[in-house]
Protein backbone atom coordinates (compact mmCIF):
# COMPACT_ATOMS: atom_id res chain seq x y z
CA MET A 1 61.46 282.91 109.50
CA THR A 2 57.77 282.29 108.85
CA ALA A 3 58.56 280.62 105.53
CA LEU A 4 61.06 278.32 107.21
CA LEU A 5 58.59 277.32 109.89
CA ASP A 6 55.88 276.62 107.32
CA ALA A 7 58.21 274.50 105.27
CA GLY A 8 58.59 272.03 108.14
CA PRO A 9 61.56 269.73 108.77
CA GLN A 10 63.50 268.51 105.76
CA ASP A 11 65.65 265.41 105.31
CA THR A 12 69.18 266.78 104.79
CA THR A 13 70.63 263.42 103.92
CA ASP A 14 69.29 262.93 100.40
CA GLY A 15 67.37 266.14 99.85
CA GLY A 16 63.98 264.36 99.85
CA PRO A 17 61.09 264.83 102.24
CA SER A 18 61.40 263.54 105.77
CA THR A 19 60.26 259.97 106.44
CA ALA A 20 58.05 261.37 109.20
CA THR A 21 55.86 263.10 106.62
CA ARG A 22 55.99 260.35 104.02
CA PRO A 23 52.80 258.18 104.06
CA GLY A 24 53.76 254.63 104.90
CA ARG A 25 52.07 251.27 104.84
CA ARG A 26 51.34 251.33 108.56
CA GLY A 27 49.57 254.67 108.31
CA THR A 28 47.45 253.40 105.40
CA ILE A 29 46.32 250.31 107.34
CA ARG A 30 45.53 252.43 110.39
CA ASP A 31 43.41 254.77 108.27
CA ARG A 32 41.49 251.90 106.70
CA PHE A 33 40.99 249.96 109.93
CA PRO A 34 40.80 252.44 112.81
CA GLY A 35 41.34 250.82 116.18
CA LEU A 36 38.03 251.93 117.68
CA ALA A 37 36.06 250.30 114.85
CA LEU A 38 37.92 247.01 114.94
CA PRO A 39 35.76 245.38 117.69
CA ALA A 40 32.61 246.36 115.80
CA LEU A 41 34.01 244.94 112.56
CA ILE A 42 34.88 241.66 114.28
CA TRP A 43 31.44 241.46 115.89
CA TYR A 44 29.77 242.15 112.53
CA ALA A 45 31.83 239.51 110.75
CA VAL A 46 31.17 236.83 113.38
CA PHE A 47 27.54 237.46 114.27
CA MET A 48 26.15 238.99 111.06
CA ILE A 49 28.11 237.61 108.13
CA GLY A 50 28.77 234.29 109.86
CA PRO A 51 25.10 233.20 110.13
CA VAL A 52 24.48 234.17 106.49
CA VAL A 53 27.40 232.00 105.36
CA ALA A 54 26.14 229.16 107.59
CA MET A 55 22.67 229.44 106.04
CA PHE A 56 24.07 229.02 102.54
CA VAL A 57 26.19 226.05 103.63
CA ILE A 58 23.31 224.24 105.39
CA ALA A 59 21.07 224.79 102.35
CA PHE A 60 23.25 222.32 100.45
CA LEU A 61 23.20 219.66 103.17
CA ALA A 62 20.85 216.79 103.98
CA TRP A 63 20.46 217.32 107.73
CA PRO A 64 17.42 215.64 109.32
CA GLY A 65 17.99 216.96 112.83
CA MET A 66 20.65 218.51 115.03
CA LEU A 67 21.70 215.15 116.52
CA THR A 68 22.43 213.55 113.17
CA THR A 69 25.47 213.92 110.93
CA PRO A 70 24.76 216.06 107.86
CA THR A 71 25.66 214.87 104.39
CA SER A 72 25.98 216.69 101.10
CA ALA A 73 22.71 217.12 99.21
CA GLY A 74 23.79 219.31 96.31
CA LEU A 75 20.80 221.07 94.81
CA ASP A 76 18.28 218.52 96.07
CA ASN A 77 16.93 220.82 98.77
CA PHE A 78 16.20 223.55 96.25
CA SER A 79 14.56 221.02 93.91
CA ARG A 80 12.30 219.93 96.77
CA VAL A 81 11.51 223.51 97.69
CA PHE A 82 10.47 224.58 94.19
CA ALA A 83 8.41 221.41 93.72
CA ASP A 84 6.58 221.85 97.03
CA GLU A 85 3.07 223.28 96.81
CA THR A 86 3.32 224.52 100.40
CA PHE A 87 6.30 226.68 99.46
CA TRP A 88 4.36 228.39 96.68
CA THR A 89 1.39 228.90 99.00
CA ALA A 90 3.72 230.50 101.54
CA THR A 91 5.26 232.67 98.81
CA THR A 92 1.82 233.87 97.74
CA ASN A 93 0.83 234.64 101.34
CA SER A 94 4.05 236.59 101.92
CA ALA A 95 3.53 238.53 98.68
CA ILE A 96 -0.03 239.46 99.70
CA GLN A 97 1.20 240.40 103.14
CA ILE A 98 3.81 242.79 101.72
CA LEU A 99 1.90 244.21 98.74
CA VAL A 100 -1.21 244.94 100.83
CA GLY A 101 0.19 245.63 104.27
CA LEU A 102 3.27 247.72 103.51
CA PRO A 103 1.66 250.48 101.38
CA VAL A 104 -1.21 250.79 103.86
CA MET A 105 1.21 250.97 106.79
CA ILE A 106 3.47 253.60 105.22
CA GLY A 107 0.57 255.68 103.88
CA LEU A 108 -1.27 255.79 107.22
CA ALA A 109 1.98 256.35 109.14
CA PHE A 110 2.81 259.32 106.90
CA LEU A 111 -0.63 260.87 107.42
CA LEU A 112 -0.32 260.40 111.18
CA ALA A 113 3.14 261.96 111.10
CA PHE A 114 1.85 264.90 109.07
CA TYR A 115 -0.91 265.45 111.64
CA VAL A 116 1.59 265.35 114.51
CA VAL A 117 3.95 267.91 112.95
CA GLN A 118 1.07 270.37 112.60
CA LYS A 119 1.36 270.51 116.40
CA PRO A 120 -2.27 270.03 117.38
CA ARG A 121 -3.22 270.26 121.02
CA GLY A 122 -1.58 267.41 122.93
CA HIS A 123 0.82 266.53 120.10
CA ARG A 124 3.65 265.77 122.53
CA VAL A 125 1.53 263.22 124.37
CA LEU A 126 0.38 261.80 121.04
CA ARG A 127 3.98 261.04 120.05
CA TYR A 128 4.34 258.87 123.15
CA LEU A 129 0.98 257.19 122.63
CA LEU A 130 1.99 256.18 119.11
CA PHE A 131 4.89 254.21 120.62
CA ILE A 132 2.62 252.03 122.78
CA PRO A 133 2.24 249.14 120.28
CA ALA A 134 6.03 248.89 120.02
CA LEU A 135 6.26 248.54 123.82
CA ILE A 136 3.92 245.53 123.98
CA SER A 137 5.46 242.09 123.60
CA ALA A 138 4.42 239.77 120.77
CA PRO A 139 2.66 237.26 123.09
CA ALA A 140 0.69 240.06 124.75
CA THR A 141 -0.27 241.48 121.35
CA ALA A 142 -1.38 238.05 120.16
CA MET A 143 -3.46 237.58 123.30
CA VAL A 144 -5.23 240.91 122.77
CA PHE A 145 -6.06 240.14 119.14
CA TYR A 146 -7.14 236.60 119.97
CA ALA A 147 -9.58 238.06 122.49
CA MET A 148 -10.87 240.38 119.79
CA LEU A 149 -11.06 237.94 116.88
CA ASN A 150 -12.21 234.64 118.37
CA PRO A 151 -15.88 233.67 117.75
CA ASP A 152 -16.93 235.04 121.14
CA GLY A 153 -14.59 238.00 120.99
CA LEU A 154 -15.02 241.74 120.95
CA VAL A 155 -15.34 242.13 117.17
CA ASN A 156 -18.24 239.69 116.84
CA GLY A 157 -19.74 241.13 120.02
CA ALA A 158 -19.78 244.58 118.41
CA LEU A 159 -21.24 243.26 115.13
CA ARG A 160 -24.19 241.33 116.60
CA PRO A 161 -26.11 244.38 117.94
CA LEU A 162 -25.82 245.86 114.45
CA GLY A 163 -27.52 242.81 112.95
CA LEU A 164 -24.33 241.61 111.26
CA ALA A 165 -23.22 238.01 111.37
CA GLY A 166 -19.98 237.30 113.18
CA ASN A 167 -17.15 235.24 111.79
CA GLU A 168 -14.38 232.92 112.93
CA TRP A 169 -11.78 235.40 111.80
CA LEU A 170 -8.71 233.31 112.60
CA ALA A 171 -10.22 229.98 111.52
CA ASP A 172 -11.69 231.10 108.20
CA PRO A 173 -9.23 230.71 105.26
CA SER A 174 -10.69 233.80 103.61
CA THR A 175 -10.04 236.11 106.59
CA ALA A 176 -7.16 234.57 108.56
CA LEU A 177 -4.36 236.18 106.54
CA GLY A 178 -6.14 239.53 106.70
CA ALA A 179 -6.24 239.19 110.49
CA ILE A 180 -2.48 238.60 110.56
CA ILE A 181 -1.93 241.68 108.39
CA ALA A 182 -4.16 243.71 110.74
CA VAL A 183 -2.01 242.71 113.71
CA GLU A 184 1.14 243.82 111.93
CA LEU A 185 -0.44 247.11 110.88
CA TRP A 186 -1.45 247.84 114.46
CA SER A 187 2.07 247.06 115.64
CA GLY A 188 3.92 249.07 113.00
CA ILE A 189 1.92 252.17 112.06
CA GLY A 190 2.52 254.18 115.22
CA TYR A 191 6.24 253.40 115.40
CA SER A 192 6.67 254.32 111.74
CA ALA A 193 4.68 257.53 112.23
CA VAL A 194 7.01 258.69 115.02
CA LEU A 195 10.08 258.03 112.85
CA ILE A 196 8.61 259.86 109.86
CA ALA A 197 7.48 262.77 112.07
CA SER A 198 11.07 263.23 113.23
CA ARG A 199 12.00 263.89 109.58
CA LEU A 200 8.99 266.06 108.81
CA ASP A 201 9.92 268.31 111.74
CA GLY A 202 12.94 269.36 109.70
CA VAL A 203 10.91 270.84 106.83
CA GLU A 204 11.59 274.57 106.72
CA GLY A 205 8.73 276.79 107.84
CA GLU A 206 9.26 279.18 104.92
CA ILE A 207 8.43 276.40 102.45
CA VAL A 208 5.22 275.56 104.32
CA GLN A 209 4.20 279.22 104.55
CA ALA A 210 4.83 279.73 100.82
CA ALA A 211 2.66 276.71 100.01
CA ARG A 212 -0.10 278.04 102.27
CA LEU A 213 0.06 281.43 100.54
CA ASP A 214 -0.33 279.65 97.20
CA GLY A 215 -3.59 278.16 98.47
CA ALA A 216 -2.38 274.66 99.34
CA GLY A 217 -4.70 272.81 101.70
CA ASP A 218 -3.66 270.12 104.12
CA TRP A 219 -3.99 267.28 101.60
CA ARG A 220 -1.95 269.07 98.93
CA LEU A 221 0.58 270.27 101.51
CA ALA A 222 1.09 266.73 102.77
CA TRP A 223 1.58 265.00 99.40
CA ARG A 224 3.07 267.84 97.32
CA VAL A 225 5.40 269.40 99.90
CA TYR A 226 6.14 267.14 102.84
CA TRP A 227 6.18 263.83 100.98
CA PRO A 228 8.77 264.80 98.29
CA ILE A 229 11.06 266.37 100.89
CA ALA A 230 10.92 263.36 103.22
CA GLN A 231 10.60 260.69 100.53
CA ASP A 232 14.14 259.37 100.90
CA PHE A 233 13.76 258.94 104.67
CA ILE A 234 10.31 257.39 104.21
CA GLY A 235 12.01 254.88 101.93
CA VAL A 236 14.32 253.89 104.80
CA VAL A 237 11.34 253.41 107.12
CA ALA A 238 9.58 251.40 104.42
CA MET A 239 12.63 249.13 104.07
CA LEU A 240 12.71 248.55 107.83
CA GLN A 241 9.02 247.63 107.93
CA PHE A 242 9.38 245.50 104.80
CA LEU A 243 12.10 243.45 106.47
CA SER A 244 10.07 243.21 109.67
CA MET A 245 6.97 241.96 107.87
CA LEU A 246 8.97 239.58 105.69
CA PHE A 247 11.20 238.02 108.34
CA ASN A 248 9.34 238.49 111.66
CA SER A 249 5.84 237.38 110.67
CA ALA A 250 6.60 233.88 111.98
CA GLN A 251 6.00 234.84 115.60
CA THR A 252 2.56 236.33 114.92
CA VAL A 253 1.54 233.33 112.80
CA LEU A 254 2.86 230.89 115.40
CA LEU A 255 0.99 232.54 118.26
CA LEU A 256 -2.35 233.03 116.49
CA THR A 257 -2.86 230.44 113.73
CA GLN A 258 0.22 228.18 113.46
CA GLY A 259 0.01 228.50 109.69
CA GLY A 260 -3.60 227.42 109.37
CA PRO A 261 -6.27 227.00 108.44
CA GLU A 262 -5.18 224.95 105.43
CA ASN A 263 -1.89 226.86 105.18
CA ALA A 264 -3.85 230.07 104.65
CA THR A 265 -1.48 231.99 106.95
CA THR A 266 1.75 230.06 106.28
CA THR A 267 4.34 232.64 105.27
CA LEU A 268 7.91 231.99 104.16
CA ALA A 269 9.28 232.97 107.56
CA TYR A 270 6.89 230.61 109.34
CA LEU A 271 7.67 227.83 106.85
CA ILE A 272 11.36 228.13 107.78
CA TYR A 273 10.47 227.80 111.45
CA ARG A 274 8.18 224.81 110.90
CA LYS A 275 10.65 222.90 108.71
CA ALA A 276 13.58 223.58 111.08
CA PHE A 277 12.03 223.15 114.53
CA VAL A 278 8.92 221.01 113.99
CA GLU A 279 9.82 218.72 111.09
CA THR A 280 13.61 218.96 111.75
CA ASP A 281 14.41 219.26 108.05
CA LEU A 282 17.24 221.74 108.39
CA GLY A 283 18.48 221.61 104.80
CA TYR A 284 15.02 222.37 103.39
CA SER A 285 14.46 225.18 105.90
CA GLN A 286 17.72 226.92 105.01
CA ALA A 287 17.05 226.50 101.29
CA VAL A 288 13.85 228.49 101.91
CA GLY A 289 15.99 230.89 103.95
CA VAL A 290 18.23 231.49 100.94
CA VAL A 291 15.17 232.23 98.79
CA LEU A 292 13.87 234.61 101.47
CA PHE A 293 17.29 236.29 101.66
CA VAL A 294 17.23 236.95 97.90
CA ILE A 295 13.65 238.24 98.08
CA GLY A 296 14.69 240.59 100.89
CA LEU A 297 17.55 242.02 98.82
CA LEU A 298 15.34 242.49 95.77
CA GLY A 299 12.60 244.07 97.86
CA MET A 300 14.96 246.59 99.45
CA TRP A 301 16.35 247.47 96.02
CA ALA A 302 12.83 248.01 94.65
CA ILE A 303 11.80 250.19 97.61
CA ARG A 304 14.99 252.20 97.32
CA ARG A 305 14.42 252.76 93.62
CA THR A 306 10.77 253.72 94.15
CA LEU A 307 11.25 256.05 97.12
CA ARG A 308 14.61 257.60 96.36
CA ALA A 309 15.01 261.34 96.81
CA THR A 310 13.48 263.51 94.06
CA HIS A 311 14.46 266.97 95.27
């Protein structure tokens, strides 16, 4: 009786298995496209893939403003982009921004996260305090740093009693980009530290105790134990901050320097904004957007290759 029950119903007509147990086309489609995920897939296709496709289409159009009729431009927009000195200045500024700012941000965020997971006194409050920069809007952040960095601001006010000359930090071509990077570091380090700390909390205590018994100090414990274990997750955080610095720098530049002085703070993201909304050269702006899209993909691939799991 048990064997008969386990065998299940059989098709007595032709001796083959029942059609109820035979996988059909409808079941395959349902498995590949589950009903609950369908709204999300539609939303992703319309609002995520759609704008990317539109960007590529507009990049091949001559479109001098939203109220005009676009015409085909072929590769002219890309020819103009690669022949434009401003584009190469913006590319250089974005490269400096990423190559200097991102390693500093991730390194300091990791050290902060390591300190938090050691559970010092008040570590729970510290986790909340690290989130504060992420809770402040971009205009408010820009206002605070403008108050600090203008010629009569807090930074110069602190330097004068020490006998050091102040500077026009946002108006000096040699320091303006550094000021923009400082704003982004302040905004991103704490948030990244909290994310990394959530991963470091999962490191097994036995591993830490064994390293301590082997004589590992804090510095060695951080970089030889915690970092390799969390390296893959740190790579994800680095990719998120890379994309934020690459694509969202326009708002900080717009609020503090508007690309100046002398294009010293013009990044690729801000160049897209200026060409699209100030100079109304939509084809040029989206051609730069395509270049930025490719740079973003290559950057994420490089970060993933560099910080992939090694354990």
